[in-house]
């Protein structure tokens, strides 16, 4: 096998503009591409700064309903600070915020379509 990394994860959304704004303006991702793709289609790709893996915000897969992605895990070096910044940007967290686990700490929240996100800080 010569697989080297995960390139893209498709995130099903109902409104690419709203999703792009959330991932870029709220989560701080870079906008990698926002280009036309075929008749009436659009390729919107975002990624954390410096990441080898990006997200594509998709509306064209009938088997991927907006909000159906659960368990997208994002790693941070500053969970406490990121939670403060995200709250300031209107994000609400499940379970009253930061949770402790044997492997580290995490919070969960949803994007505007209800896709489930875990923001975690893993103990090393």
PDB file of N, CA and C in Angstrom:
ATOM      1  N   UNK A   1       0.848  -1.186   0.000  1.00  0.00           N
ATOM      2  CA  UNK A   1       0.000   0.000   0.000  1.00  0.00           C
ATOM      3  C   UNK A   1       0.887   1.240   0.000  1.00  0.00           C
ATOM      4  N   UNK A   2       0.444   2.246  -0.735  1.00  0.00           N
ATOM      5  CA  UNK A   2       1.221   3.487  -0.807  1.00  0.00           C
ATOM      6  C   UNK A   2       0.405   4.696  -0.386  1.00  0.00           C
ATOM      7  N   UNK A   3      -0.631   4.476   0.400  1.00  0.00           N
ATOM      8  CA  UNK A   3      -1.451   5.588   0.892  1.00  0.00           C
ATOM      9  C   UNK A   3      -0.609   6.405   1.863  1.00  0.00           C
ATOM     10  N   UNK A   4      -0.621   7.728   1.676  1.00  0.00           N
ATOM     11  CA  UNK A   4       0.223   8.586   2.503  1.00  0.00           C
ATOM     12  C   UNK A   4      -0.539   9.432   3.508  1.00  0.00           C
ATOM     13  N   UNK A   5      -1.787   9.791   3.212  1.00  0.00           N
ATOM     14  CA  UNK A   5      -2.561  10.602   4.152  1.00  0.00           C
ATOM     15  C   UNK A   5      -4.004  10.743   3.674  1.00  0.00           C
ATOM     16  N   UNK A   6      -4.846  11.256   4.526  1.00  0.00           N
ATOM     17  CA  UNK A   6      -6.221  11.573   4.153  1.00  0.00           C
ATOM     18  C   UNK A   6      -6.195  12.966   3.532  1.00  0.00           C
ATOM     19  N   UNK A   7      -6.665  13.101   2.311  1.00  0.00           N
ATOM     20  CA  UNK A   7      -6.640  14.380   1.593  1.00  0.00           C
ATOM     21  C   UNK A   7      -7.872  15.224   1.896  1.00  0.00           C
ATOM     22  N   UNK A   8      -9.060  14.616   1.778  1.00  0.00           N
ATOM     23  CA  UNK A   8     -10.321  15.350   1.913  1.00  0.00           C
ATOM     24  C   UNK A   8     -11.327  14.563   2.729  1.00  0.00           C
ATOM     25  N   UNK A   9     -12.151  15.293   3.449  1.00  0.00           N
ATOM     26  CA  UNK A   9     -13.334  14.736   4.090  1.00  0.00           C
ATOM     27  C   UNK A   9     -14.500  15.576   3.600  1.00  0.00           C
ATOM     28  N   UNK A  10     -15.519  14.940   3.056  1.00  0.00           N
ATOM     29  CA  UNK A  10     -16.703  15.657   2.578  1.00  0.00           C
ATOM     30  C   UNK A  10     -17.654  15.913   3.737  1.00  0.00           C
ATOM     31  N   UNK A  11     -18.047  17.171   3.897  1.00  0.00           N
ATOM     32  CA  UNK A  11     -18.975  17.578   4.947  1.00  0.00           C
ATOM     33  C   UNK A  11     -20.271  18.000   4.258  1.00  0.00           C
ATOM     34  N   UNK A  12     -21.382  17.280   4.501  1.00  0.00           N
ATOM     35  CA  UNK A  12     -22.636  17.604   3.830  1.00  0.00           C
ATOM     36  C   UNK A  12     -23.319  18.824   4.452  1.00  0.00           C
ATOM     37  N   UNK A  13     -23.559  19.831   3.609  1.00  0.00           N
ATOM     38  CA  UNK A  13     -24.164  21.084   4.080  1.00  0.00           C
ATOM     39  C   UNK A  13     -25.332  21.463   3.180  1.00  0.00           C
ATOM     40  N   UNK A  14     -26.193  22.325   3.675  1.00  0.00           N
ATOM     41  CA  UNK A  14     -27.327  22.787   2.878  1.00  0.00           C
ATOM     42  C   UNK A  14     -27.028  24.109   2.181  1.00  0.00           C
ATOM     43  N   UNK A  15     -26.114  24.893   2.718  1.00  0.00           N
ATOM     44  CA  UNK A  15     -25.801  26.218   2.189  1.00  0.00           C
ATOM     45  C   UNK A  15     -24.282  26.398   2.252  1.00  0.00           C
ATOM     46  N   UNK A  16     -23.636  26.367   1.085  1.00  0.00           N
ATOM     47  CA  UNK A  16     -22.174  26.434   1.058  1.00  0.00           C
ATOM     48  C   UNK A  16     -21.641  27.775   1.565  1.00  0.00           C
ATOM     49  N   UNK A  17     -22.342  28.862   1.316  1.00  0.00           N
ATOM     50  CA  UNK A  17     -21.884  30.169   1.810  1.00  0.00           C
ATOM     51  C   UNK A  17     -21.899  30.205   3.338  1.00  0.00           C
ATOM     52  N   UNK A  18     -22.999  29.772   3.923  1.00  0.00           N
ATOM     53  CA  UNK A  18     -23.114  29.766   5.380  1.00  0.00           C
ATOM     54  C   UNK A  18     -22.076  28.840   6.002  1.00  0.00           C
ATOM     55  N   UNK A  19     -21.892  27.654   5.419  1.00  0.00           N
ATOM     56  CA  UNK A  19     -20.905  26.706   5.936  1.00  0.00           C
ATOM     57  C   UNK A  19     -19.490  27.261   5.789  1.00  0.00           C
ATOM     58  N   UNK A  20     -19.174  27.835   4.631  1.00  0.00           N
ATOM     59  CA  UNK A  20     -17.843  28.431   4.422  1.00  0.00           C
ATOM     60  C   UNK A  20     -17.576  29.503   5.471  1.00  0.00           C
ATOM     61  N   UNK A  21     -18.550  30.369   5.696  1.00  0.00           N
ATOM     62  CA  UNK A  21     -18.380  31.432   6.688  1.00  0.00           C
ATOM     63  C   UNK A  21     -18.142  30.866   8.082  1.00  0.00           C
ATOM     64  N   UNK A  22     -18.831  29.794   8.449  1.00  0.00           N
ATOM     65  CA  UNK A  22     -18.635  29.176   9.756  1.00  0.00           C
ATOM     66  C   UNK A  22     -17.224  28.597   9.883  1.00  0.00           C
ATOM     67  N   UNK A  23     -16.821  27.801   8.911  1.00  0.00           N
ATOM     68  CA  UNK A  23     -15.514  27.148   9.009  1.00  0.00           C
ATOM     69  C   UNK A  23     -14.358  28.153   8.901  1.00  0.00           C
ATOM     70  N   UNK A  24     -14.527  29.214   8.129  1.00  0.00           N
ATOM     71  CA  UNK A  24     -13.463  30.209   7.972  1.00  0.00           C
ATOM     72  C   UNK A  24     -13.527  31.268   9.076  1.00  0.00           C
ATOM     73  N   UNK A  25     -14.679  31.891   9.255  1.00  0.00           N
ATOM     74  CA  UNK A  25     -14.779  33.023  10.186  1.00  0.00           C
ATOM     75  C   UNK A  25     -14.901  32.603  11.645  1.00  0.00           C
ATOM     76  N   UNK A  26     -15.548  31.485  11.916  1.00  0.00           N
ATOM     77  CA  UNK A  26     -15.743  31.044  13.297  1.00  0.00           C
ATOM     78  C   UNK A  26     -14.618  30.098  13.738  1.00  0.00           C
ATOM     79  N   UNK A  27     -14.331  29.077  12.932  1.00  0.00           N
ATOM     80  CA  UNK A  27     -13.301  28.106  13.317  1.00  0.00           C
ATOM     81  C   UNK A  27     -11.894  28.542  12.922  1.00  0.00           C
ATOM     82  N   UNK A  28     -11.768  29.532  12.045  1.00  0.00           N
ATOM     83  CA  UNK A  28     -10.446  30.031  11.672  1.00  0.00           C
ATOM     84  C   UNK A  28      -9.728  29.219  10.607  1.00  0.00           C
ATOM     85  N   UNK A  29     -10.459  28.381   9.875  1.00  0.00           N
ATOM     86  CA  UNK A  29      -9.856  27.610   8.795  1.00  0.00           C
ATOM     87  C   UNK A  29      -9.469  28.544   7.649  1.00  0.00           C
ATOM     88  N   UNK A  30      -8.538  28.093   6.813  1.00  0.00           N
ATOM     89  CA  UNK A  30      -8.203  28.791   5.571  1.00  0.00           C
ATOM     90  C   UNK A  30      -9.194  28.377   4.493  1.00  0.00           C
ATOM     91  N   UNK A  31      -9.565  29.317   3.640  1.00  0.00           N
ATOM     92  CA  UNK A  31     -10.344  29.001   2.452  1.00  0.00           C
ATOM     93  C   UNK A  31      -9.355  28.567   1.378  1.00  0.00           C
ATOM     94  N   UNK A  32      -9.387  27.302   1.006  1.00  0.00           N
ATOM     95  CA  UNK A  32      -8.448  26.741   0.034  1.00  0.00           C
ATOM     96  C   UNK A  32      -8.956  26.990  -1.383  1.00  0.00           C
ATOM     97  N   UNK A  33     -10.218  26.654  -1.641  1.00  0.00           N
ATOM     98  CA  UNK A  33     -10.844  26.873  -2.941  1.00  0.00           C
ATOM     99  C   UNK A  33     -12.286  27.280  -2.748  1.00  0.00           C
ATOM    100  N   UNK A  34     -12.774  28.128  -3.627  1.00  0.00           N
ATOM    101  CA  UNK A  34     -14.201  28.419  -3.771  1.00  0.00           C
ATOM    102  C   UNK A  34     -14.393  28.694  -5.254  1.00  0.00           C
ATOM    103  N   UNK A  35     -14.575  27.601  -6.009  1.00  0.00           N
ATOM    104  CA  UNK A  35     -14.566  27.674  -7.465  1.00  0.00           C
ATOM    105  C   UNK A  35     -15.801  27.023  -8.065  1.00  0.00           C
ATOM    106  N   UNK A  36     -16.213  27.499  -9.241  1.00  0.00           N
ATOM    107  CA  UNK A  36     -17.292  26.815  -9.959  1.00  0.00           C
ATOM    108  C   UNK A  36     -16.875  25.381 -10.280  1.00  0.00           C
ATOM    109  N   UNK A  37     -17.867  24.502 -10.293  1.00  0.00           N
ATOM    110  CA  UNK A  37     -17.609  23.094 -10.585  1.00  0.00           C
ATOM    111  C   UNK A  37     -18.777  22.569 -11.410  1.00  0.00           C
ATOM    112  N   UNK A  38     -18.622  22.593 -12.700  1.00  0.00           N
ATOM    113  CA  UNK A  38     -19.692  22.110 -13.567  1.00  0.00           C
ATOM    114  C   UNK A  38     -20.879  23.046 -13.552  1.00  0.00           C
ATOM    115  N   UNK A  39     -21.917  22.690 -14.272  1.00  0.00           N
ATOM    116  CA  UNK A  39     -23.098  23.559 -14.357  1.00  0.00           C
ATOM    117  C   UNK A  39     -23.823  23.664 -13.010  1.00  0.00           C
ATOM    118  N   UNK A  40     -23.833  24.860 -12.455  1.00  0.00           N
ATOM    119  CA  UNK A  40     -24.559  25.121 -11.222  1.00  0.00           C
ATOM    120  C   UNK A  40     -23.903  24.585  -9.968  1.00  0.00           C
ATOM    121  N   UNK A  41     -22.733  23.991 -10.080  1.00  0.00           N
ATOM    122  CA  UNK A  41     -22.060  23.432  -8.912  1.00  0.00           C
ATOM    123  C   UNK A  41     -20.914  24.321  -8.444  1.00  0.00           C
ATOM    124  N   UNK A  42     -20.420  24.000  -7.283  1.00  0.00           N
ATOM    125  CA  UNK A  42     -19.354  24.789  -6.688  1.00  0.00           C
ATOM    126  C   UNK A  42     -18.491  23.902  -5.812  1.00  0.00           C
ATOM    127  N   UNK A  43     -17.175  24.111  -5.854  1.00  0.00           N
ATOM    128  CA  UNK A  43     -16.231  23.380  -5.018  1.00  0.00           C
ATOM    129  C   UNK A  43     -15.742  24.334  -3.945  1.00  0.00           C
ATOM    130  N   UNK A  44     -16.141  24.071  -2.697  1.00  0.00           N
ATOM    131  CA  UNK A  44     -15.707  24.884  -1.563  1.00  0.00           C
ATOM    132  C   UNK A  44     -14.880  23.980  -0.660  1.00  0.00           C
ATOM    133  N   UNK A  45     -13.618  24.349  -0.493  1.00  0.00           N
ATOM    134  CA  UNK A  45     -12.688  23.538   0.301  1.00  0.00           C
ATOM    135  C   UNK A  45     -12.027  24.430   1.348  1.00  0.00           C
ATOM    136  N   UNK A  46     -12.023  23.951   2.592  1.00  0.00           N
ATOM    137  CA  UNK A  46     -11.427  24.674   3.715  1.00  0.00           C
ATOM    138  C   UNK A  46     -10.497  23.734   4.464  1.00  0.00           C
ATOM    139  N   UNK A  47      -9.545  24.318   5.205  1.00  0.00           N
ATOM    140  CA  UNK A  47      -8.611  23.477   5.962  1.00  0.00           C
ATOM    141  C   UNK A  47      -8.032  24.273   7.125  1.00  0.00           C
ATOM    142  N   UNK A  48      -7.729  23.583   8.226  1.00  0.00           N
ATOM    143  CA  UNK A  48      -6.967  24.246   9.281  1.00  0.00           C
ATOM    144  C   UNK A  48      -5.617  24.691   8.715  1.00  0.00           C
ATOM    145  N   UNK A  49      -5.112  25.780   9.208  1.00  0.00           N
ATOM    146  CA  UNK A  49      -3.820  26.292   8.736  1.00  0.00           C
ATOM    147  C   UNK A  49      -2.747  25.206   8.822  1.00  0.00           C
ATOM    148  N   UNK A  50      -2.065  24.955   7.715  1.00  0.00           N
ATOM    149  CA  UNK A  50      -0.970  23.996   7.687  1.00  0.00           C
ATOM    150  C   UNK A  50      -1.367  22.536   7.647  1.00  0.00           C
ATOM    151  N   UNK A  51      -2.642  22.234   7.570  1.00  0.00           N
ATOM    152  CA  UNK A  51      -3.098  20.843   7.618  1.00  0.00           C
ATOM    153  C   UNK A  51      -2.952  20.146   6.266  1.00  0.00           C
ATOM    154  N   UNK A  52      -2.632  18.869   6.303  1.00  0.00           N
ATOM    155  CA  UNK A  52      -2.587  18.055   5.084  1.00  0.00           C
ATOM    156  C   UNK A  52      -3.984  17.600   4.679  1.00  0.00           C
ATOM    157  N   UNK A  53      -4.931  17.649   5.601  1.00  0.00           N
ATOM    158  CA  UNK A  53      -6.302  17.215   5.334  1.00  0.00           C
ATOM    159  C   UNK A  53      -7.218  18.422   5.269  1.00  0.00           C
ATOM    160  N   UNK A  54      -8.080  18.438   4.266  1.00  0.00           N
ATOM    161  CA  UNK A  54      -9.032  19.538   4.090  1.00  0.00           C
ATOM    162  C   UNK A  54     -10.452  18.995   4.134  1.00  0.00           C
ATOM    163  N   UNK A  55     -11.400  19.899   4.267  1.00  0.00           N
ATOM    164  CA  UNK A  55     -12.819  19.568   4.207  1.00  0.00           C
ATOM    165  C   UNK A  55     -13.384  20.173   2.940  1.00  0.00           C
ATOM    166  N   UNK A  56     -14.222  19.432   2.243  1.00  0.00           N
ATOM    167  CA  UNK A  56     -14.972  19.995   1.142  1.00  0.00           C
ATOM    168  C   UNK A  56     -16.435  20.054   1.569  1.00  0.00           C
ATOM    169  N   UNK A  57     -17.036  21.204   1.386  1.00  0.00           N
ATOM    170  CA  UNK A  57     -18.398  21.466   1.841  1.00  0.00           C
ATOM    171  C   UNK A  57     -19.338  21.146   0.684  1.00  0.00           C
ATOM    172  N   UNK A  58     -20.004  19.998   0.773  1.00  0.00           N
ATOM    173  CA  UNK A  58     -20.731  19.436  -0.369  1.00  0.00           C
ATOM    174  C   UNK A  58     -22.242  19.544  -0.214  1.00  0.00           C
ATOM    175  N   UNK A  59     -22.883  19.738  -1.364  1.00  0.00           N
ATOM    176  CA  UNK A  59     -24.346  19.793  -1.427  1.00  0.00           C
ATOM    177  C   UNK A  59     -24.903  18.808  -2.445  1.00  0.00           C
ATOM    178  N   UNK A  60     -24.052  18.078  -3.129  1.00  0.00           N
ATOM    179  CA  UNK A  60     -24.483  17.316  -4.298  1.00  0.00           C
ATOM    180  C   UNK A  60     -24.582  15.809  -4.102  1.00  0.00           C
ATOM    181  N   UNK A  61     -24.347  15.292  -2.916  1.00  0.00           N
ATOM    182  CA  UNK A  61     -24.462  13.852  -2.703  1.00  0.00           C
ATOM    183  C   UNK A  61     -25.829  13.536  -2.089  1.00  0.00           C
ATOM    184  N   UNK A  62     -26.734  12.919  -2.843  1.00  0.00           N
ATOM    185  CA  UNK A  62     -28.068  12.662  -2.294  1.00  0.00           C
ATOM    186  C   UNK A  62     -28.059  11.721  -1.088  1.00  0.00           C
ATOM    187  N   UNK A  63     -27.025  10.897  -0.950  1.00  0.00           N
ATOM    188  CA  UNK A  63     -26.964   9.972   0.183  1.00  0.00           C
ATOM    189  C   UNK A  63     -26.327  10.612   1.418  1.00  0.00           C
ATOM    190  N   UNK A  64     -25.873  11.870   1.303  1.00  0.00           N
ATOM    191  CA  UNK A  64     -25.254  12.573   2.434  1.00  0.00           C
ATOM    192  C   UNK A  64     -26.114  13.784   2.790  1.00  0.00           C
ATOM    193  N   UNK A  65     -27.070  13.579   3.665  1.00  0.00           N
ATOM    194  CA  UNK A  65     -27.958  14.672   4.067  1.00  0.00           C
ATOM    195  C   UNK A  65     -27.187  15.701   4.883  1.00  0.00           C
ATOM    196  N   UNK A  66     -27.483  16.989   4.689  1.00  0.00           N
ATOM    197  CA  UNK A  66     -26.843  18.009   5.524  1.00  0.00           C
ATOM    198  C   UNK A  66     -27.025  17.672   7.002  1.00  0.00           C
ATOM    199  N   UNK A  67     -25.929  17.780   7.752  1.00  0.00           N
ATOM    200  CA  UNK A  67     -25.976  17.489   9.183  1.00  0.00           C
ATOM    201  C   UNK A  67     -25.769  16.038   9.538  1.00  0.00           C
ATOM    202  N   UNK A  68     -25.539  15.171   8.557  1.00  0.00           N
ATOM    203  CA  UNK A  68     -25.431  13.736   8.847  1.00  0.00           C
ATOM    204  C   UNK A  68     -24.033  13.292   9.259  1.00  0.00           C
ATOM    205  N   UNK A  69     -23.030  14.160   9.146  1.00  0.00           N
ATOM    206  CA  UNK A  69     -21.678  13.800   9.570  1.00  0.00           C
ATOM    207  C   UNK A  69     -21.566  13.987  11.083  1.00  0.00           C
ATOM    208  N   UNK A  70     -21.147  12.967  11.758  1.00  0.00           N
ATOM    209  CA  UNK A  70     -20.965  13.035  13.211  1.00  0.00           C
ATOM    210  C   UNK A  70     -19.560  12.567  13.554  1.00  0.00           C
ATOM    211  N   UNK A  71     -18.937  13.219  14.526  1.00  0.00           N
ATOM    212  CA  UNK A  71     -17.643  12.752  14.997  1.00  0.00           C
ATOM    213  C   UNK A  71     -16.450  13.287  14.239  1.00  0.00           C
ATOM    214  N   UNK A  72     -16.583  14.436  13.577  1.00  0.00           N
ATOM    215  CA  UNK A  72     -15.420  15.081  12.979  1.00  0.00           C
ATOM    216  C   UNK A  72     -14.553  15.595  14.122  1.00  0.00           C
ATOM    217  N   UNK A  73     -13.335  15.086  14.249  1.00  0.00           N
ATOM    218  CA  UNK A  73     -12.476  15.414  15.387  1.00  0.00           C
ATOM    219  C   UNK A  73     -11.400  16.393  14.960  1.00  0.00           C
ATOM    220  N   UNK A  74     -11.327  17.515  15.663  1.00  0.00           N
ATOM    221  CA  UNK A  74     -10.314  18.540  15.436  1.00  0.00           C
ATOM    222  C   UNK A  74      -9.426  18.607  16.665  1.00  0.00           C
ATOM    223  N   UNK A  75      -8.129  18.695  16.469  1.00  0.00           N
ATOM    224  CA  UNK A  75      -7.163  18.753  17.571  1.00  0.00           C
ATOM    225  C   UNK A  75      -6.733  20.198  17.788  1.00  0.00           C
ATOM    226  N   UNK A  76      -6.545  20.590  19.052  1.00  0.00           N
ATOM    227  CA  UNK A  76      -6.073  21.926  19.392  1.00  0.00           C
ATOM    228  C   UNK A  76      -4.994  21.848  20.468  1.00  0.00           C
ATOM    229  N   UNK A  77      -4.110  22.833  20.462  1.00  0.00           N
ATOM    230  CA  UNK A  77      -3.103  22.964  21.516  1.00  0.00           C
ATOM    231  C   UNK A  77      -3.579  23.866  22.637  1.00  0.00           C
ATOM    232  N   UNK A  78      -4.743  24.537  22.455  1.00  0.00           N
ATOM    233  CA  UNK A  78      -5.256  25.485  23.440  1.00  0.00           C
ATOM    234  C   UNK A  78      -6.767  25.345  23.555  1.00  0.00           C
ATOM    235  N   UNK A  79      -7.205  24.238  24.141  1.00  0.00           N
ATOM    236  CA  UNK A  79      -8.637  23.972  24.245  1.00  0.00           C
ATOM    237  C   UNK A  79      -9.360  25.065  25.021  1.00  0.00           C
ATOM    238  N   UNK A  80      -8.818  25.464  26.162  1.00  0.00           N
ATOM    239  CA  UNK A  80      -9.493  26.486  26.973  1.00  0.00           C
ATOM    240  C   UNK A  80      -9.637  27.799  26.204  1.00  0.00           C
ATOM    241  N   UNK A  81      -8.570  28.237  25.565  1.00  0.00           N
ATOM    242  CA  UNK A  81      -8.612  29.481  24.798  1.00  0.00           C
ATOM    243  C   UNK A  81      -9.536  29.395  23.604  1.00  0.00           C
ATOM    244  N   UNK A  82      -9.517  28.256  22.921  1.00  0.00           N
ATOM    245  CA  UNK A  82     -10.399  28.091  21.763  1.00  0.00           C
ATOM    246  C   UNK A  82     -11.864  28.072  22.177  1.00  0.00           C
ATOM    247  N   UNK A  83     -12.172  27.464  23.305  1.00  0.00           N
ATOM    248  CA  UNK A  83     -13.552  27.458  23.780  1.00  0.00           C
ATOM    249  C   UNK A  83     -14.017  28.888  24.059  1.00  0.00           C
ATOM    250  N   UNK A  84     -13.180  29.698  24.683  1.00  0.00           N
ATOM    251  CA  UNK A  84     -13.532  31.102  24.937  1.00  0.00           C
ATOM    252  C   UNK A  84     -13.773  31.824  23.615  1.00  0.00           C
ATOM    253  N   UNK A  85     -12.847  31.682  22.668  1.00  0.00           N
ATOM    254  CA  UNK A  85     -12.979  32.361  21.372  1.00  0.00           C
ATOM    255  C   UNK A  85     -14.219  31.899  20.616  1.00  0.00           C
ATOM    256  N   UNK A  86     -14.503  30.591  20.639  1.00  0.00           N
ATOM    257  CA  UNK A  86     -15.679  30.088  19.935  1.00  0.00           C
ATOM    258  C   UNK A  86     -16.969  30.566  20.589  1.00  0.00           C
ATOM    259  N   UNK A  87     -17.007  30.613  21.913  1.00  0.00           N
ATOM    260  CA  UNK A  87     -18.198  31.153  22.596  1.00  0.00           C
ATOM    261  C   UNK A  87     -18.428  32.602  22.198  1.00  0.00           C
ATOM    262  N   UNK A  88     -17.337  33.378  22.104  1.00  0.00           N
ATOM    263  CA  UNK A  88     -17.454  34.780  21.677  1.00  0.00           C
ATOM    264  C   UNK A  88     -18.011  34.882  20.262  1.00  0.00           C
ATOM    265  N   UNK A  89     -17.815  33.859  19.465  1.00  0.00           N
ATOM    266  CA  UNK A  89     -18.298  33.847  18.083  1.00  0.00           C
ATOM    267  C   UNK A  89     -19.647  33.154  17.953  1.00  0.00           C
ATOM    268  N   UNK A  90     -20.291  32.849  19.085  1.00  0.00           N
ATOM    269  CA  UNK A  90     -21.650  32.328  19.075  1.00  0.00           C
ATOM    270  C   UNK A  90     -21.810  30.825  19.112  1.00  0.00           C
ATOM    271  N   UNK A  91     -20.725  30.079  19.254  1.00  0.00           N
ATOM    272  CA  UNK A  91     -20.821  28.611  19.302  1.00  0.00           C
ATOM    273  C   UNK A  91     -21.327  28.190  20.677  1.00  0.00           C
ATOM    274  N   UNK A  92     -22.266  27.271  20.691  1.00  0.00           N
ATOM    275  CA  UNK A  92     -22.730  26.681  21.945  1.00  0.00           C
ATOM    276  C   UNK A  92     -22.242  25.241  22.004  1.00  0.00           C
ATOM    277  N   UNK A  93     -21.905  24.809  23.195  1.00  0.00           N
ATOM    278  CA  UNK A  93     -21.307  23.490  23.395  1.00  0.00           C
ATOM    279  C   UNK A  93     -22.270  22.566  24.114  1.00  0.00           C
ATOM    280  N   UNK A  94     -22.224  21.301  23.726  1.00  0.00           N
ATOM    281  CA  UNK A  94     -23.017  20.279  24.408  1.00  0.00           C
ATOM    282  C   UNK A  94     -22.381  19.995  25.769  1.00  0.00           C
ATOM    283  N   UNK A  95     -23.137  19.447  26.669  1.00  0.00           N
ATOM    284  CA  UNK A  95     -22.643  18.972  27.977  1.00  0.00           C
ATOM    285  C   UNK A  95     -21.955  20.060  28.796  1.00  0.00           C
ATOM    286  N   UNK A  96     -22.393  21.298  28.675  1.00  0.00           N
ATOM    287  CA  UNK A  96     -21.850  22.392  29.485  1.00  0.00           C
ATOM    288  C   UNK A  96     -20.352  22.591  29.331  1.00  0.00           C
ATOM    289  N   UNK A  97     -19.820  22.344  28.153  1.00  0.00           N
ATOM    290  CA  UNK A  97     -18.430  22.702  27.911  1.00  0.00           C
ATOM    291  C   UNK A  97     -17.452  21.551  27.972  1.00  0.00           C
ATOM    292  N   UNK A  98     -16.277  21.855  28.475  1.00  0.00           N
ATOM    293  CA  UNK A  98     -15.138  20.936  28.426  1.00  0.00           C
ATOM    294  C   UNK A  98     -15.373  19.703  29.304  1.00  0.00           C
ATOM    295  N   UNK A  99     -15.097  18.541  28.722  1.00  0.00           N
ATOM    296  CA  UNK A  99     -15.215  17.256  29.402  1.00  0.00           C
ATOM    297  C   UNK A  99     -13.821  16.648  29.552  1.00  0.00           C
ATOM    298  N   UNK A 100     -13.596  15.963  30.659  1.00  0.00           N
ATOM    299  CA  UNK A 100     -12.337  15.248  30.887  1.00  0.00           C
ATOM    300  C   UNK A 100     -12.501  13.786  30.502  1.00  0.00           C
ATOM    301  N   UNK A 101     -11.451  13.230  29.931  1.00  0.00           N
ATOM    302  CA  UNK A 101     -11.417  11.812  29.576  1.00  0.00           C
ATOM    303  C   UNK A 101     -10.022  11.287  29.902  1.00  0.00           C
ATOM    304  N   UNK A 102      -9.845   9.985  30.013  1.00  0.00           N
ATOM    305  CA  UNK A 102      -8.523   9.439  30.331  1.00  0.00           C
ATOM    306  C   UNK A 102      -7.447   9.836  29.312  1.00  0.00           C
ATOM    307  N   UNK A 103      -7.831  10.082  28.074  1.00  0.00           N
ATOM    308  CA  UNK A 103      -6.888  10.403  27.004  1.00  0.00           C
ATOM    309  C   UNK A 103      -6.670  11.899  26.796  1.00  0.00           C
ATOM    310  N   UNK A 104      -7.502  12.745  27.441  1.00  0.00           N
ATOM    311  CA  UNK A 104      -7.380  14.191  27.249  1.00  0.00           C
ATOM    312  C   UNK A 104      -8.661  14.910  27.620  1.00  0.00           C
ATOM    313  N   UNK A 105      -8.897  16.055  26.975  1.00  0.00           N
ATOM    314  CA  UNK A 105     -10.091  16.873  27.237  1.00  0.00           C
ATOM    315  C   UNK A 105     -10.734  17.220  25.897  1.00  0.00           C
ATOM    316  N   UNK A 106     -12.062  17.479  25.932  1.00  0.00           N
ATOM    317  CA  UNK A 106     -12.759  17.757  24.680  1.00  0.00           C
ATOM    318  C   UNK A 106     -14.053  18.517  24.930  1.00  0.00           C
ATOM    319  N   UNK A 107     -14.548  19.125  23.855  1.00  0.00           N
ATOM    320  CA  UNK A 107     -15.886  19.705  23.822  1.00  0.00           C
ATOM    321  C   UNK A 107     -16.546  19.252  22.527  1.00  0.00           C
ATOM    322  N   UNK A 108     -17.861  19.259  22.527  1.00  0.00           N
ATOM    323  CA  UNK A 108     -18.586  18.926  21.305  1.00  0.00           C
ATOM    324  C   UNK A 108     -19.536  20.061  20.959  1.00  0.00           C
ATOM    325  N   UNK A 109     -19.710  20.258  19.657  1.00  0.00           N
ATOM    326  CA  UNK A 109     -20.631  21.271  19.155  1.00  0.00           C
ATOM    327  C   UNK A 109     -21.000  20.902  17.725  1.00  0.00           C
ATOM    328  N   UNK A 110     -21.941  21.628  17.165  1.00  0.00           N
ATOM    329  CA  UNK A 110     -22.408  21.384  15.804  1.00  0.00           C
ATOM    330  C   UNK A 110     -22.096  22.570  14.911  1.00  0.00           C
ATOM    331  N   UNK A 111     -21.916  22.282  13.623  1.00  0.00           N
ATOM    332  CA  UNK A 111     -21.834  23.369  12.649  1.00  0.00           C
ATOM    333  C   UNK A 111     -23.266  23.831  12.353  1.00  0.00           C
ATOM    334  N   UNK A 112     -23.465  24.843  11.510  1.00  0.00           N
ATOM    335  CA  UNK A 112     -24.827  25.344  11.281  1.00  0.00           C
ATOM    336  C   UNK A 112     -25.827  24.323  10.743  1.00  0.00           C
ATOM    337  N   UNK A 113     -25.342  23.251  10.113  1.00  0.00           N
ATOM    338  CA  UNK A 113     -26.250  22.220   9.604  1.00  0.00           C
ATOM    339  C   UNK A 113     -26.479  21.088  10.589  1.00  0.00           C
ATOM    340  N   UNK A 114     -25.754  21.065  11.697  1.00  0.00           N
ATOM    341  CA  UNK A 114     -25.898  19.992  12.669  1.00  0.00           C
ATOM    342  C   UNK A 114     -24.855  18.903  12.540  1.00  0.00           C
ATOM    343  N   UNK A 115     -23.843  19.104  11.690  1.00  0.00           N
ATOM    344  CA  UNK A 115     -22.727  18.153  11.644  1.00  0.00           C
ATOM    345  C   UNK A 115     -21.993  18.224  12.976  1.00  0.00           C
ATOM    346  N   UNK A 116     -21.740  17.071  13.590  1.00  0.00           N
ATOM    347  CA  UNK A 116     -21.153  17.012  14.929  1.00  0.00           C
ATOM    348  C   UNK A 116     -19.640  17.120  14.906  1.00  0.00           C
ATOM    349  N   UNK A 117     -19.120  18.049  15.696  1.00  0.00           N
ATOM    350  CA  UNK A 117     -17.680  18.296  15.765  1.00  0.00           C
ATOM    351  C   UNK A 117     -17.197  18.075  17.190  1.00  0.00           C
ATOM    352  N   UNK A 118     -16.031  17.428  17.310  1.00  0.00           N
ATOM    353  CA  UNK A 118     -15.335  17.265  18.593  1.00  0.00           C
ATOM    354  C   UNK A 118     -14.060  18.084  18.497  1.00  0.00           C
ATOM    355  N   UNK A 119     -13.877  18.998  19.431  1.00  0.00           N
ATOM    356  CA  UNK A 119     -12.620  19.743  19.542  1.00  0.00           C
ATOM    357  C   UNK A 119     -11.913  19.196  20.756  1.00  0.00           C
ATOM    358  N   UNK A 120     -10.709  18.658  20.537  1.00  0.00           N
ATOM    359  CA  UNK A 120     -10.040  17.965  21.628  1.00  0.00           C
ATOM    360  C   UNK A 120      -8.598  18.409  21.788  1.00  0.00           C
ATOM    361  N   UNK A 121      -8.098  18.165  22.987  1.00  0.00           N
ATOM    362  CA  UNK A 121      -6.691  18.330  23.317  1.00  0.00           C
ATOM    363  C   UNK A 121      -6.245  17.008  23.916  1.00  0.00           C
ATOM    364  N   UNK A 122      -5.401  16.286  23.181  1.00  0.00           N
ATOM    365  CA  UNK A 122      -4.984  14.955  23.586  1.00  0.00           C
ATOM    366  C   UNK A 122      -3.792  15.041  24.525  1.00  0.00           C
ATOM    367  N   UNK A 123      -3.846  14.273  25.623  1.00  0.00           N
ATOM    368  CA  UNK A 123      -2.688  14.185  26.514  1.00  0.00           C
ATOM    369  C   UNK A 123      -1.596  13.408  25.813  1.00  0.00           C
ATOM    370  N   UNK A 124      -0.397  13.858  25.968  1.00  0.00           N
ATOM    371  CA  UNK A 124       0.725  13.182  25.314  1.00  0.00           C
ATOM    372  C   UNK A 124       1.453  12.307  26.305  1.00  0.00           C
TER     373      UNK A 124
END
